[in-house]
Amino acid sequence: NDELFVKILGNETFTLYLVEHILLHPAPTAEQARTLSVVLPCWSEKFYSRRTVEQLLVERLPAHVSVRFLWLHAEQLYRFEKLYFPWRMALAAGSAARAEALAQLLNEELTRVIASEV
């Protein structure tokens, strides 16, 4: 199974993003502190099944982490990446105000995606 994991994640066509919800909220709840969103392009399904990818990742994450998988279409992924990369850069640069503002926008985008799944 580890060979399959490396094969899937080593493929150039496979991209994923991990978002720790504790970083999106100035005063996270206990649930937010242990929630992780895994954002993936939905077209990866052409290469690997959702079930296989999700199972492989869940098996490798700590048991206390609550995981939400978000399989995004191109337009959704574009909007996500426009916020995600600047947010990460702001976090890395120690720009708290900018990171917090972008975190709020990123959280709103993820909430919109989650709502569209229902």
C-alpha atoms as a PDB file:
ATOM      1  CA  ASN A   1       0.000   0.000   0.000  1.00  0.00           C
ATOM      2  CA  ASP A   2       2.916   2.375   0.659  1.00  0.00           C
ATOM      3  CA  GLU A   3       4.116   1.829  -2.903  1.00  0.00           C
ATOM      4  CA  LEU A   4       0.698   2.934  -4.180  1.00  0.00           C
ATOM      5  CA  PHE A   5       0.837   6.002  -1.895  1.00  0.00           C
ATOM      6  CA  VAL A   6       4.208   7.065  -3.330  1.00  0.00           C
ATOM      7  CA  LYS A   7       3.027   6.356  -6.870  1.00  0.00           C
ATOM      8  CA  ILE A   8      -0.086   8.503  -6.438  1.00  0.00           C
ATOM      9  CA  LEU A   9       1.554  11.413  -4.655  1.00  0.00           C
ATOM     10  CA  GLY A  10       4.624  11.301  -6.882  1.00  0.00           C
ATOM     11  CA  ASN A  11       2.613  11.844 -10.044  1.00  0.00           C
ATOM     12  CA  GLU A  12       3.022  15.309 -11.568  1.00  0.00           C
ATOM     13  CA  THR A  13      -0.697  15.531 -12.267  1.00  0.00           C
ATOM     14  CA  PHE A  14      -1.573  15.183  -8.601  1.00  0.00           C
ATOM     15  CA  THR A  15      -1.729  18.311  -6.458  1.00  0.00           C
ATOM     16  CA  LEU A  16      -3.120  18.656  -2.987  1.00  0.00           C
ATOM     17  CA  TYR A  17      -3.259  21.392  -0.387  1.00  0.00           C
ATOM     18  CA  LEU A  18      -3.542  20.955   3.372  1.00  0.00           C
ATOM     19  CA  VAL A  19      -5.305  23.674   5.341  1.00  0.00           C
ATOM     20  CA  GLU A  20      -5.219  23.542   9.130  1.00  0.00           C
ATOM     21  CA  HIS A  21      -8.361  25.249  10.363  1.00  0.00           C
ATOM     22  CA  ILE A  22      -6.627  26.357  13.551  1.00  0.00           C
ATOM     23  CA  LEU A  23      -4.692  28.800  11.345  1.00  0.00           C
ATOM     24  CA  LEU A  24      -7.862  30.241   9.804  1.00  0.00           C
ATOM     25  CA  HIS A  25      -9.447  31.458  13.040  1.00  0.00           C
ATOM     26  CA  PRO A  26      -8.099  34.007  15.524  1.00  0.00           C
ATOM     27  CA  ALA A  27      -9.764  32.127  18.413  1.00  0.00           C
ATOM     28  CA  PRO A  28     -10.368  28.577  17.140  1.00  0.00           C
ATOM     29  CA  THR A  29     -12.826  26.235  18.802  1.00  0.00           C
ATOM     30  CA  ALA A  30     -11.661  22.792  19.893  1.00  0.00           C
ATOM     31  CA  GLU A  31     -13.178  21.342  16.711  1.00  0.00           C
ATOM     32  CA  GLN A  32     -11.459  23.895  14.469  1.00  0.00           C
ATOM     33  CA  ALA A  33      -8.162  23.200  16.230  1.00  0.00           C
ATOM     34  CA  ARG A  34      -8.252  19.571  15.091  1.00  0.00           C
ATOM     35  CA  THR A  35      -9.777  20.018  11.618  1.00  0.00           C
ATOM     36  CA  LEU A  36      -7.813  19.713   8.415  1.00  0.00           C
ATOM     37  CA  SER A  37      -9.130  20.345   4.910  1.00  0.00           C
ATOM     38  CA  VAL A  38      -7.472  18.475   2.073  1.00  0.00           C
ATOM     39  CA  VAL A  39      -8.091  20.368  -1.155  1.00  0.00           C
ATOM     40  CA  LEU A  40      -7.657  18.456  -4.405  1.00  0.00           C
ATOM     41  CA  PRO A  41      -8.490  19.027  -8.069  1.00  0.00           C
ATOM     42  CA  CYS A  42     -11.483  16.923  -9.096  1.00  0.00           C
ATOM     43  CA  TRP A  43      -9.840  15.985 -12.397  1.00  0.00           C
ATOM     44  CA  SER A  44      -7.347  13.833 -10.454  1.00  0.00           C
ATOM     45  CA  GLU A  45     -10.151  11.291 -10.395  1.00  0.00           C
ATOM     46  CA  LYS A  46      -9.271  10.451 -13.990  1.00  0.00           C
ATOM     47  CA  PHE A  47      -6.063   8.943 -12.627  1.00  0.00           C
ATOM     48  CA  TYR A  48      -7.053   7.720  -9.144  1.00  0.00           C
ATOM     49  CA  SER A  49     -10.306   7.075  -7.355  1.00  0.00           C
ATOM     50  CA  ARG A  50     -11.410   9.465  -4.623  1.00  0.00           C
ATOM     51  CA  ARG A  51     -11.861   6.569  -2.257  1.00  0.00           C
ATOM     52  CA  THR A  52      -8.283   5.343  -2.749  1.00  0.00           C
ATOM     53  CA  VAL A  53      -6.733   8.788  -2.311  1.00  0.00           C
ATOM     54  CA  GLU A  54      -8.840   9.596   0.746  1.00  0.00           C
ATOM     55  CA  GLN A  55      -8.135   6.225   2.352  1.00  0.00           C
ATOM     56  CA  LEU A  56      -4.377   6.518   1.777  1.00  0.00           C
ATOM     57  CA  LEU A  57      -4.265   9.979   3.324  1.00  0.00           C
ATOM     58  CA  VAL A  58      -6.510   9.169   6.295  1.00  0.00           C
ATOM     59  CA  GLU A  59      -4.358   6.141   7.112  1.00  0.00           C
ATOM     60  CA  ARG A  60      -1.318   8.435   7.412  1.00  0.00           C
ATOM     61  CA  LEU A  61      -2.833  11.285   9.423  1.00  0.00           C
ATOM     62  CA  PRO A  62      -2.922  11.385  13.225  1.00  0.00           C
ATOM     63  CA  ALA A  63      -6.075   9.778  14.629  1.00  0.00           C
ATOM     64  CA  HIS A  64      -7.204  12.938  16.453  1.00  0.00           C
ATOM     65  CA  VAL A  65      -7.384  14.980  13.226  1.00  0.00           C
ATOM     66  CA  SER A  66     -10.786  15.462  11.625  1.00  0.00           C
ATOM     67  CA  VAL A  67     -10.370  15.532   7.840  1.00  0.00           C
ATOM     68  CA  ARG A  68     -12.582  17.073   5.195  1.00  0.00           C
ATOM     69  CA  PHE A  69     -11.783  16.314   1.555  1.00  0.00           C
ATOM     70  CA  LEU A  70     -12.696  19.012  -0.940  1.00  0.00           C
ATOM     71  CA  TRP A  71     -12.513  18.010  -4.608  1.00  0.00           C
ATOM     72  CA  LEU A  72     -12.596  21.276  -6.543  1.00  0.00           C
ATOM     73  CA  HIS A  73     -13.392  22.108 -10.147  1.00  0.00           C
ATOM     74  CA  ALA A  74     -10.992  24.368 -12.056  1.00  0.00           C
ATOM     75  CA  GLU A  75     -12.810  27.635 -11.232  1.00  0.00           C
ATOM     76  CA  GLN A  76     -13.052  26.742  -7.546  1.00  0.00           C
ATOM     77  CA  LEU A  77      -9.403  25.733  -7.421  1.00  0.00           C
ATOM     78  CA  TYR A  78      -8.398  28.969  -9.112  1.00  0.00           C
ATOM     79  CA  ARG A  79     -10.258  31.048  -6.473  1.00  0.00           C
ATOM     80  CA  PHE A  80      -8.773  28.906  -3.697  1.00  0.00           C
ATOM     81  CA  GLU A  81      -5.186  29.248  -4.961  1.00  0.00           C
ATOM     82  CA  LYS A  82      -5.557  33.041  -5.387  1.00  0.00           C
ATOM     83  CA  LEU A  83      -6.085  33.203  -1.610  1.00  0.00           C
ATOM     84  CA  TYR A  84      -4.054  30.219  -0.426  1.00  0.00           C
ATOM     85  CA  PHE A  85      -0.613  31.219  -1.750  1.00  0.00           C
ATOM     86  CA  PRO A  86      -0.705  34.854  -0.542  1.00  0.00           C
ATOM     87  CA  TRP A  87      -2.023  33.618   2.835  1.00  0.00           C
ATOM     88  CA  ARG A  88       0.899  31.189   3.190  1.00  0.00           C
ATOM     89  CA  MET A  89       3.365  33.898   2.189  1.00  0.00           C
ATOM     90  CA  ALA A  90       1.875  36.279   4.782  1.00  0.00           C
ATOM     91  CA  LEU A  91       2.128  33.582   7.470  1.00  0.00           C
ATOM     92  CA  ALA A  92       5.745  32.855   6.559  1.00  0.00           C
ATOM     93  CA  ALA A  93       6.630  36.565   6.524  1.00  0.00           C
ATOM     94  CA  GLY A  94       5.080  37.081   9.951  1.00  0.00           C
ATOM     95  CA  SER A  95       2.600  39.606   8.570  1.00  0.00           C
ATOM     96  CA  ALA A  96      -0.131  38.894  11.112  1.00  0.00           C
ATOM     97  CA  ALA A  97      -2.686  41.457   9.933  1.00  0.00           C
ATOM     98  CA  ARG A  98      -2.402  40.399   6.278  1.00  0.00           C
ATOM     99  CA  ALA A  99      -2.431  36.707   7.172  1.00  0.00           C
ATOM    100  CA  GLU A 100      -5.535  37.180   9.315  1.00  0.00           C
ATOM    101  CA  ALA A 101      -7.370  39.093   6.571  1.00  0.00           C
ATOM    102  CA  LEU A 102      -6.488  36.452   3.974  1.00  0.00           C
ATOM    103  CA  ALA A 103      -7.386  33.660   6.420  1.00  0.00           C
ATOM    104  CA  GLN A 104     -10.862  35.116   6.752  1.00  0.00           C
ATOM    105  CA  LEU A 105     -11.273  35.231   2.966  1.00  0.00           C
ATOM    106  CA  LEU A 106      -9.881  31.718   2.598  1.00  0.00           C
ATOM    107  CA  ASN A 107     -12.238  30.443   5.281  1.00  0.00           C
ATOM    108  CA  GLU A 108     -15.172  32.090   3.465  1.00  0.00           C
ATOM    109  CA  GLU A 109     -14.111  30.413   0.197  1.00  0.00           C
ATOM    110  CA  LEU A 110     -13.819  26.991   1.850  1.00  0.00           C
ATOM    111  CA  THR A 111     -17.220  27.497   3.511  1.00  0.00           C
ATOM    112  CA  ARG A 112     -18.702  28.363   0.102  1.00  0.00           C
ATOM    113  CA  VAL A 113     -17.226  25.188  -1.412  1.00  0.00           C
ATOM    114  CA  ILE A 114     -18.514  23.047   1.454  1.00  0.00           C
ATOM    115  CA  ALA A 115     -21.990  24.596   1.144  1.00  0.00           C
ATOM    116  CA  SER A 116     -22.038  23.856  -2.595  1.00  0.00           C
ATOM    117  CA  GLU A 117     -21.420  20.158  -1.882  1.00  0.00           C
ATOM    118  CA  VAL A 118     -24.646  19.791   0.096  1.00  0.00           C
END
